[in-house]
C-alpha atoms as a PDB file:
ATOM      1  CA  UNK A   1     102.906  63.884  89.416  1.00  0.00           C
ATOM      2  CA  UNK A   2     101.201  66.245  91.951  1.00  0.00           C
ATOM      3  CA  UNK A   3      98.976  65.215  94.824  1.00  0.00           C
ATOM      4  CA  UNK A   4      96.545  67.881  96.136  1.00  0.00           C
ATOM      5  CA  UNK A   5      94.600  67.558  99.373  1.00  0.00           C
ATOM      6  CA  UNK A   6      91.948  70.107 100.303  1.00  0.00           C
ATOM      7  CA  UNK A   7      90.582  70.779 103.717  1.00  0.00           C
ATOM      8  CA  UNK A   8      88.548  73.386 105.565  1.00  0.00           C
ATOM      9  CA  UNK A   9      85.145  73.019 104.088  1.00  0.00           C
ATOM     10  CA  UNK A  10      81.923  72.738 106.078  1.00  0.00           C
ATOM     11  CA  UNK A  11      78.599  74.274 106.905  1.00  0.00           C
ATOM     12  CA  UNK A  12      78.440  77.983 107.617  1.00  0.00           C
ATOM     13  CA  UNK A  13      75.661  80.567 107.963  1.00  0.00           C
ATOM     14  CA  UNK A  14      75.280  83.379 105.436  1.00  0.00           C
ATOM     15  CA  UNK A  15      77.687  86.154 106.193  1.00  0.00           C
ATOM     16  CA  UNK A  16      80.145  83.777 107.833  1.00  0.00           C
ATOM     17  CA  UNK A  17      83.724  82.892 106.883  1.00  0.00           C
ATOM     18  CA  UNK A  18      85.736  79.773 106.014  1.00  0.00           C
ATOM     19  CA  UNK A  19      89.329  79.199 105.016  1.00  0.00           C
ATOM     20  CA  UNK A  20      90.137  76.381 102.665  1.00  0.00           C
ATOM     21  CA  UNK A  21      93.589  74.854 102.440  1.00  0.00           C
ATOM     22  CA  UNK A  22      95.255  72.902  99.628  1.00  0.00           C
ATOM     23  CA  UNK A  23      98.370  70.978 100.514  1.00  0.00           C
ATOM     24  CA  UNK A  24     100.427  70.098  97.449  1.00  0.00           C
ATOM     25  CA  UNK A  25     103.153  67.548  97.037  1.00  0.00           C
ATOM     26  CA  UNK A  26     104.903  69.922  94.619  1.00  0.00           C
ATOM     27  CA  UNK A  27     104.731  73.724  94.430  1.00  0.00           C
ATOM     28  CA  UNK A  28     103.557  75.334  91.191  1.00  0.00           C
ATOM     29  CA  UNK A  29     103.162  78.869  90.074  1.00  0.00           C
ATOM     30  CA  UNK A  30      99.884  77.982  88.448  1.00  0.00           C
ATOM     31  CA  UNK A  31      97.535  76.944  91.233  1.00  0.00           C
ATOM     32  CA  UNK A  32      94.036  77.925  92.051  1.00  0.00           C
ATOM     33  CA  UNK A  33      90.553  77.100  93.237  1.00  0.00           C
ATOM     34  CA  UNK A  34      87.447  76.050  91.252  1.00  0.00           C
ATOM     35  CA  UNK A  35      84.047  75.115  92.412  1.00  0.00           C
ATOM     36  CA  UNK A  36      81.111  73.108  91.136  1.00  0.00           C
ATOM     37  CA  UNK A  37      77.539  73.518  92.408  1.00  0.00           C
ATOM     38  CA  UNK A  38      74.879  70.881  91.870  1.00  0.00           C
ATOM     39  CA  UNK A  39      73.712  70.818  88.290  1.00  0.00           C
ATOM     40  CA  UNK A  40      76.276  73.426  87.164  1.00  0.00           C
ATOM     41  CA  UNK A  41      79.600  73.341  85.429  1.00  0.00           C
ATOM     42  CA  UNK A  42      82.863  73.658  87.280  1.00  0.00           C
ATOM     43  CA  UNK A  43      83.940  77.293  87.405  1.00  0.00           C
ATOM     44  CA  UNK A  44      87.089  79.168  88.288  1.00  0.00           C
ATOM     45  CA  UNK A  45      86.989  80.945  91.683  1.00  0.00           C
ATOM     46  CA  UNK A  46      90.460  82.282  92.135  1.00  0.00           C
ATOM     47  CA  UNK A  47      93.913  81.525  90.732  1.00  0.00           C
ATOM     48  CA  UNK A  48      97.444  82.697  90.761  1.00  0.00           C
ATOM     49  CA  UNK A  49      98.642  84.038  87.444  1.00  0.00           C
ATOM     50  CA  UNK A  50     102.375  83.701  87.446  1.00  0.00           C
ATOM     51  CA  UNK A  51     104.308  84.062  90.686  1.00  0.00           C
ATOM     52  CA  UNK A  52     102.281  86.799  92.411  1.00  0.00           C
ATOM     53  CA  UNK A  53      99.411  87.815  90.193  1.00  0.00           C
ATOM     54  CA  UNK A  54      95.818  86.779  91.062  1.00  0.00           C
ATOM     55  CA  UNK A  55      92.575  86.437  89.221  1.00  0.00           C
ATOM     56  CA  UNK A  56      89.068  86.193  90.721  1.00  0.00           C
ATOM     57  CA  UNK A  57      85.699  85.505  89.275  1.00  0.00           C
ATOM     58  CA  UNK A  58      83.502  88.580  89.542  1.00  0.00           C
ATOM     59  CA  UNK A  59      81.083  87.152  92.072  1.00  0.00           C
ATOM     60  CA  UNK A  60      83.736  86.665  94.765  1.00  0.00           C
ATOM     61  CA  UNK A  61      85.828  89.788  94.268  1.00  0.00           C
ATOM     62  CA  UNK A  62      86.168  91.708  97.514  1.00  0.00           C
ATOM     63  CA  UNK A  63      85.043  88.652  99.546  1.00  0.00           C
ATOM     64  CA  UNK A  64      87.511  85.884  98.744  1.00  0.00           C
ATOM     65  CA  UNK A  65      91.359  86.034  98.954  1.00  0.00           C
ATOM     66  CA  UNK A  66      93.773  83.499  97.570  1.00  0.00           C
ATOM     67  CA  UNK A  67      97.173  83.234  99.177  1.00  0.00           C
ATOM     68  CA  UNK A  68     100.071  80.744  99.311  1.00  0.00           C
ATOM     69  CA  UNK A  69     102.813  79.563 101.631  1.00  0.00           C
ATOM     70  CA  UNK A  70     105.498  78.281  99.318  1.00  0.00           C
ATOM     71  CA  UNK A  71     107.614  76.903 102.152  1.00  0.00           C
ATOM     72  CA  UNK A  72     104.777  74.673 103.236  1.00  0.00           C
ATOM     73  CA  UNK A  73     103.455  74.148  99.681  1.00  0.00           C
ATOM     74  CA  UNK A  74      99.990  75.220 100.777  1.00  0.00           C
ATOM     75  CA  UNK A  75      97.486  77.401  98.922  1.00  0.00           C
ATOM     76  CA  UNK A  76      94.669  79.056 100.856  1.00  0.00           C
ATOM     77  CA  UNK A  77      91.273  80.460  99.993  1.00  0.00           C
ATOM     78  CA  UNK A  78      89.888  82.811 102.582  1.00  0.00           C
ATOM     79  CA  UNK A  79      86.195  83.198 102.092  1.00  0.00           C
ATOM     80  CA  UNK A  80      84.388  86.009 103.812  1.00  0.00           C
ATOM     81  CA  UNK A  81      80.761  87.234 103.692  1.00  0.00           C
ATOM     82  CA  UNK A  82      79.671  83.871 102.364  1.00  0.00           C
ATOM     83  CA  UNK A  83      76.390  83.693 100.452  1.00  0.00           C
ATOM     84  CA  UNK A  84      74.127  80.653  99.774  1.00  0.00           C
ATOM     85  CA  UNK A  85      75.186  80.951  96.122  1.00  0.00           C
ATOM     86  CA  UNK A  86      78.736  80.053  97.220  1.00  0.00           C
ATOM     87  CA  UNK A  87      77.539  76.558  98.095  1.00  0.00           C
ATOM     88  CA  UNK A  88      79.515  74.048  96.056  1.00  0.00           C
ATOM     89  CA  UNK A  89      82.321  71.519  96.084  1.00  0.00           C
ATOM     90  CA  UNK A  90      85.556  73.418  95.996  1.00  0.00           C
ATOM     91  CA  UNK A  91      88.524  71.968  94.114  1.00  0.00           C
ATOM     92  CA  UNK A  92      92.173  72.790  94.207  1.00  0.00           C
ATOM     93  CA  UNK A  93      93.953  72.846  90.868  1.00  0.00           C
ATOM     94  CA  UNK A  94      97.635  72.804  89.904  1.00  0.00           C
ATOM     95  CA  UNK A  95      99.474  72.855  86.629  1.00  0.00           C
ATOM     96  CA  UNK A  96     102.779  70.983  86.503  1.00  0.00           C
ATOM     97  CA  UNK A  97     104.834  70.312  83.376  1.00  0.00           C
ATOM     98  CA  UNK A  98     101.839  71.071  81.239  1.00  0.00           C
ATOM     99  CA  UNK A  99      99.554  68.619  83.025  1.00  0.00           C
ATOM    100  CA  UNK A 100      96.611  69.712  85.209  1.00  0.00           C
ATOM    101  CA  UNK A 101      95.923  68.082  88.507  1.00  0.00           C
ATOM    102  CA  UNK A 102      92.846  68.207  90.795  1.00  0.00           C
ATOM    103  CA  UNK A 103      92.235  67.517  94.374  1.00  0.00           C
ATOM    104  CA  UNK A 104      89.344  65.439  95.625  1.00  0.00           C
ATOM    105  CA  UNK A 105      87.270  68.503  96.581  1.00  0.00           C
ATOM    106  CA  UNK A 106      85.807  69.788  99.792  1.00  0.00           C
ATOM    107  CA  UNK A 107      82.196  70.673 100.359  1.00  0.00           C
ATOM    108  CA  UNK A 108      81.160  74.199 101.328  1.00  0.00           C
ATOM    109  CA  UNK A 109      77.540  74.731 102.329  1.00  0.00           C
ATOM    110  CA  UNK A 110      76.179  78.154 103.181  1.00  0.00           C
ATOM    111  CA  UNK A 111      72.786  77.872 104.822  1.00  0.00           C
ATOM    112  CA  UNK A 112      70.726  78.826 107.810  1.00  0.00           C
END
């Protein structure tokens, strides 16, 4: 079993930055971030593909960066140049032994 705890969400003005953290009880090569805006389906934001590869949804390329600290079992999502369209609950995801696990989510609101 894997426990995931997200932190770092909040309210930020357009153009601002936030860094989300996901602390995992176990490290996994397949970890990433998804988000769900009100009235919309959950969507992939950024993931690791294998040990070092990364994948981003088009709308965040060049603005968001996923990284990891394996020693601390933490995955980060650095979000720059935030836009109102980035407002959503952000969820950490991990795949372990063929089973997917989700964190509880952290709210990110981009607004003036």
